[in-house]
Amino acid sequence: MAAMEDVLDVYQRPLDPARPLVCFDESGKELQADVRPSLLPRPGRTARRDSAYRRNGRANLFLWCAPLLGHRRVTVTERRTRTDWAEQMRVLVDEDFPDAERIVLVLDNLNIHTAASLYATFPPTEAKRIWDKLEIHHTPIHGSWLNMAEIELSILARQCLHRRVSDRETLSHEVAAWVTERNTTQVTIDWQFTTDDARVKLKRLYPLIQLDTV
């Protein structure tokens, strides 16, 4: 419960440009190529695609969103290793928010989301420099729904990734177009669920404490 309440308290903080709130998550996408040409659409009918396809491997998507700023970035990579994650943290610190005093970062408990990944990728001084710019808040185990980046990934999946994509280059192009549209309109997330709400609606998850009476 402590991790949940910690994240919920973070979400109640007012906007602070010096300490931007950033939620981070990742997801996979299977790449599938057509084995037969699609039939072009006709009046009153959509394009028709053969159900058969050829697997072209998988791609990984790293996504962060700043829910109070209405900004996000998605990077398509071949893999999801600790080195890949460490590089995302470097870009987040040096390119996305170079003027921030610290970045308040919410992410889940995936085993690569640690300082060890930075130290396995960069020299010690560089790893520590990046880590010191991050204020980490982990969602609880089985509580990834608390990460607002998961909401963004769900929207991305519905609006952009629901169809067949054949290769990483095409995936990167389509994801970039989606990001540009959402950033242009500055879509924010108005998070309403608070710690007080959790203590009422999720009280079954809290331990029962028997107080001794005199």
Protein backbone atom coordinates (compact mmCIF):
# COMPACT_ATOMS: atom_id res chain seq x y z
CA MET A 1 0.00 0.00 0.00
CA ALA A 2 2.91 2.31 0.68
CA ALA A 3 4.03 2.31 -2.98
CA MET A 4 0.48 3.00 -4.17
CA GLU A 5 -0.02 5.91 -1.80
CA ASP A 6 3.40 7.29 -2.69
CA VAL A 7 2.50 7.40 -6.41
CA LEU A 8 -0.95 8.85 -5.69
CA ASP A 9 0.59 11.59 -3.56
CA VAL A 10 3.02 12.40 -6.38
CA TYR A 11 0.07 12.80 -8.75
CA GLN A 12 -1.41 15.46 -6.44
CA ARG A 13 1.61 17.73 -6.70
CA PRO A 14 1.05 20.97 -8.62
CA LEU A 15 2.86 21.60 -11.90
CA ASP A 16 6.50 22.49 -11.27
CA PRO A 17 8.60 23.14 -14.41
CA ALA A 18 11.76 22.62 -12.38
CA ARG A 19 10.59 19.16 -11.31
CA PRO A 20 8.39 17.83 -14.15
CA LEU A 21 6.29 14.73 -13.57
CA VAL A 22 7.09 12.04 -16.14
CA CYS A 23 5.52 8.57 -16.40
CA PHE A 24 7.45 5.90 -18.28
CA ASP A 25 6.50 2.50 -19.65
CA GLU A 26 7.27 0.11 -22.49
CA SER A 27 5.39 -2.34 -24.68
CA GLY A 28 6.01 -4.79 -27.51
CA LYS A 29 4.58 -4.98 -31.01
CA GLU A 30 4.66 -8.04 -33.27
CA LEU A 31 5.64 -7.11 -36.82
CA GLN A 32 3.48 -8.78 -39.46
CA ALA A 33 3.82 -8.53 -43.25
CA ASP A 34 1.15 -9.33 -45.81
CA VAL A 35 1.70 -12.44 -47.90
CA ARG A 36 -0.90 -11.36 -50.49
CA PRO A 37 -1.79 -7.85 -51.67
CA SER A 38 -4.79 -6.23 -50.01
CA LEU A 39 -7.89 -5.52 -52.04
CA LEU A 40 -8.42 -1.79 -52.53
CA PRO A 41 -11.53 -0.23 -51.00
CA ARG A 42 -14.65 0.15 -53.15
CA PRO A 43 -17.61 2.47 -52.64
CA GLY A 44 -19.35 1.41 -49.46
CA ARG A 45 -16.65 -1.12 -48.56
CA THR A 46 -13.35 -0.85 -46.75
CA ALA A 47 -10.08 -2.36 -47.94
CA ARG A 48 -9.90 -6.13 -47.51
CA ARG A 49 -6.80 -7.84 -46.18
CA ASP A 50 -6.00 -11.54 -46.28
CA SER A 51 -5.90 -13.17 -42.87
CA ALA A 52 -2.59 -14.86 -43.67
CA TYR A 53 0.56 -12.97 -42.73
CA ARG A 54 4.30 -13.46 -42.26
CA ARG A 55 5.92 -12.79 -38.90
CA ASN A 56 8.74 -10.26 -39.11
CA GLY A 57 9.89 -10.41 -35.51
CA ARG A 58 9.02 -7.96 -32.75
CA ALA A 59 9.75 -4.36 -31.89
CA ASN A 60 9.80 -2.59 -28.54
CA LEU A 61 8.28 0.79 -27.78
CA PHE A 62 9.55 3.01 -24.97
CA LEU A 63 7.01 5.69 -24.04
CA TRP A 64 7.10 8.55 -21.60
CA CYS A 65 4.43 11.15 -21.03
CA ALA A 66 4.38 14.34 -18.98
CA PRO A 67 0.67 14.29 -18.02
CA LEU A 68 0.55 17.88 -16.74
CA LEU A 69 2.37 19.26 -19.77
CA GLY A 70 0.50 17.39 -22.49
CA HIS A 71 3.70 16.06 -24.00
CA ARG A 72 5.00 12.56 -24.75
CA ARG A 73 7.67 10.73 -26.73
CA VAL A 74 7.76 7.19 -28.11
CA THR A 75 10.95 5.48 -29.27
CA VAL A 76 10.88 2.26 -31.27
CA THR A 77 13.79 -0.09 -30.60
CA GLU A 78 14.73 -3.61 -31.60
CA ARG A 79 15.04 -4.82 -28.01
CA ARG A 80 14.21 -3.95 -24.42
CA THR A 81 17.47 -4.48 -22.56
CA ARG A 82 18.92 -2.62 -19.61
CA THR A 83 21.21 -0.80 -22.03
CA ASP A 84 18.23 0.32 -24.11
CA TRP A 85 16.48 1.60 -20.97
CA ALA A 86 19.62 3.35 -19.75
CA GLU A 87 19.91 5.21 -23.05
CA GLN A 88 16.29 6.30 -22.72
CA MET A 89 17.09 7.77 -19.32
CA ARG A 90 20.07 9.65 -20.74
CA VAL A 91 17.93 11.15 -23.49
CA LEU A 92 15.20 12.01 -20.98
CA VAL A 93 17.69 13.89 -18.81
CA ASP A 94 19.89 15.50 -21.45
CA GLU A 95 17.54 16.13 -24.37
CA ASP A 96 13.92 16.05 -23.21
CA PHE A 97 14.27 17.95 -19.92
CA PRO A 98 17.77 19.46 -19.88
CA ASP A 99 16.73 22.41 -17.69
CA ALA A 100 14.96 20.40 -15.00
CA GLU A 101 16.45 20.33 -11.53
CA ARG A 102 15.13 16.79 -11.14
CA ILE A 103 12.67 14.66 -13.08
CA VAL A 104 9.94 13.04 -10.98
CA LEU A 105 9.76 9.66 -12.70
CA VAL A 106 6.97 7.10 -12.19
CA LEU A 107 7.57 3.62 -13.59
CA ASP A 108 6.92 -0.01 -12.75
CA ASN A 109 9.16 -2.59 -11.09
CA LEU A 110 10.65 -4.15 -14.22
CA ASN A 111 14.10 -5.48 -13.34
CA ILE A 112 15.87 -3.14 -15.78
CA HIS A 113 14.41 -0.02 -14.14
CA THR A 114 17.31 0.40 -11.72
CA ALA A 115 20.50 2.36 -11.21
CA ALA A 116 22.37 -0.86 -11.99
CA SER A 117 21.28 -0.56 -15.63
CA LEU A 118 22.90 2.86 -15.84
CA TYR A 119 26.13 1.60 -14.28
CA ALA A 120 26.16 -1.35 -16.68
CA THR A 121 25.90 1.04 -19.63
CA PHE A 122 27.85 4.19 -18.75
CA PRO A 123 31.03 5.06 -16.83
CA PRO A 124 30.34 5.50 -13.09
CA THR A 125 30.43 9.31 -13.13
CA GLU A 126 27.98 9.46 -16.04
CA ALA A 127 25.69 6.83 -14.51
CA LYS A 128 25.56 8.72 -11.21
CA ARG A 129 24.98 12.05 -12.98
CA ILE A 130 21.91 10.65 -14.76
CA TRP A 131 20.59 8.81 -11.69
CA ASP A 132 20.91 11.90 -9.50
CA LYS A 133 18.64 13.83 -11.88
CA LEU A 134 15.83 11.29 -11.36
CA GLU A 135 13.40 11.12 -8.45
CA ILE A 136 12.14 7.55 -8.85
CA HIS A 137 8.68 6.38 -7.74
CA HIS A 138 7.87 2.74 -8.48
CA THR A 139 4.29 1.54 -8.82
CA PRO A 140 3.45 -1.44 -6.59
CA ILE A 141 3.71 -4.99 -7.87
CA HIS A 142 0.50 -5.80 -9.79
CA GLY A 143 -0.30 -2.08 -9.69
CA SER A 144 0.89 -0.96 -13.10
CA TRP A 145 -2.56 0.60 -13.67
CA LEU A 146 -1.29 3.45 -11.48
CA ASN A 147 1.21 4.42 -14.18
CA MET A 148 -0.30 7.05 -16.46
CA ALA A 149 2.11 5.98 -19.20
CA GLU A 150 0.12 2.74 -19.38
CA ILE A 151 -2.94 4.82 -20.28
CA GLU A 152 -0.99 6.42 -23.12
CA LEU A 153 0.18 3.02 -24.35
CA SER A 154 -3.41 1.79 -24.34
CA ILE A 155 -4.51 4.78 -26.43
CA LEU A 156 -1.56 4.27 -28.78
CA ALA A 157 -2.54 0.62 -29.21
CA ARG A 158 -6.16 1.50 -30.05
CA GLN A 159 -5.43 4.42 -32.36
CA CYS A 160 -2.23 3.34 -34.08
CA LEU A 161 -1.13 -0.22 -33.36
CA HIS A 162 -4.39 -2.11 -33.90
CA ARG A 163 -3.50 -2.87 -37.50
CA ARG A 164 -0.80 -4.93 -39.17
CA VAL A 165 2.64 -3.27 -39.34
CA SER A 166 5.35 -4.97 -41.36
CA ASP A 167 8.65 -3.50 -40.14
CA ARG A 168 10.28 -1.20 -37.59
CA GLU A 169 10.73 1.65 -40.04
CA THR A 170 7.00 1.74 -40.80
CA LEU A 171 6.18 1.40 -37.11
CA SER A 172 8.48 4.32 -36.24
CA HIS A 173 6.89 6.50 -38.92
CA GLU A 174 3.31 5.80 -37.82
CA VAL A 175 4.10 6.20 -34.12
CA ALA A 176 5.87 9.51 -34.80
CA ALA A 177 2.76 10.80 -36.59
CA TRP A 178 0.59 9.81 -33.62
CA VAL A 179 2.94 11.52 -31.16
CA THR A 180 3.04 14.71 -33.23
CA GLU A 181 -0.75 14.92 -33.33
CA ARG A 182 -1.17 14.42 -29.59
CA ASN A 183 1.65 16.80 -28.71
CA THR A 184 0.30 19.47 -31.04
CA THR A 185 -3.05 19.40 -29.27
CA GLN A 186 -1.30 19.06 -25.87
CA VAL A 187 -3.49 16.24 -24.62
CA THR A 188 -3.16 16.11 -20.83
CA ILE A 189 -4.34 13.54 -18.27
CA ASP A 190 -6.59 14.73 -15.44
CA TRP A 191 -5.92 12.11 -12.77
CA GLN A 192 -8.75 12.05 -10.21
CA PHE A 193 -8.03 8.97 -8.06
CA THR A 194 -6.47 10.07 -4.75
CA THR A 195 -5.06 8.44 -1.63
CA ASP A 196 -8.32 9.14 0.21
CA ASP A 197 -10.22 7.39 -2.59
CA ALA A 198 -7.90 4.40 -2.35
CA ARG A 199 -8.45 4.04 1.39
CA VAL A 200 -12.20 3.85 0.80
CA LYS A 201 -12.54 1.97 -2.49
CA LEU A 202 -9.59 -0.39 -1.96
CA LYS A 203 -9.85 -0.84 1.78
CA ARG A 204 -9.99 -4.63 1.34
CA LEU A 205 -6.35 -4.48 0.25
CA TYR A 206 -5.19 -2.77 3.43
CA PRO A 207 -4.13 -4.94 6.38
CA LEU A 208 -6.50 -5.10 9.34
CA ILE A 209 -4.90 -3.78 12.48
CA GLN A 210 -6.28 -4.78 15.83
CA LEU A 211 -5.60 -2.08 18.39
CA ASP A 212 -5.28 -3.16 21.98
CA THR A 213 -7.78 -1.53 24.29
CA VAL A 214 -7.28 -0.90 27.96
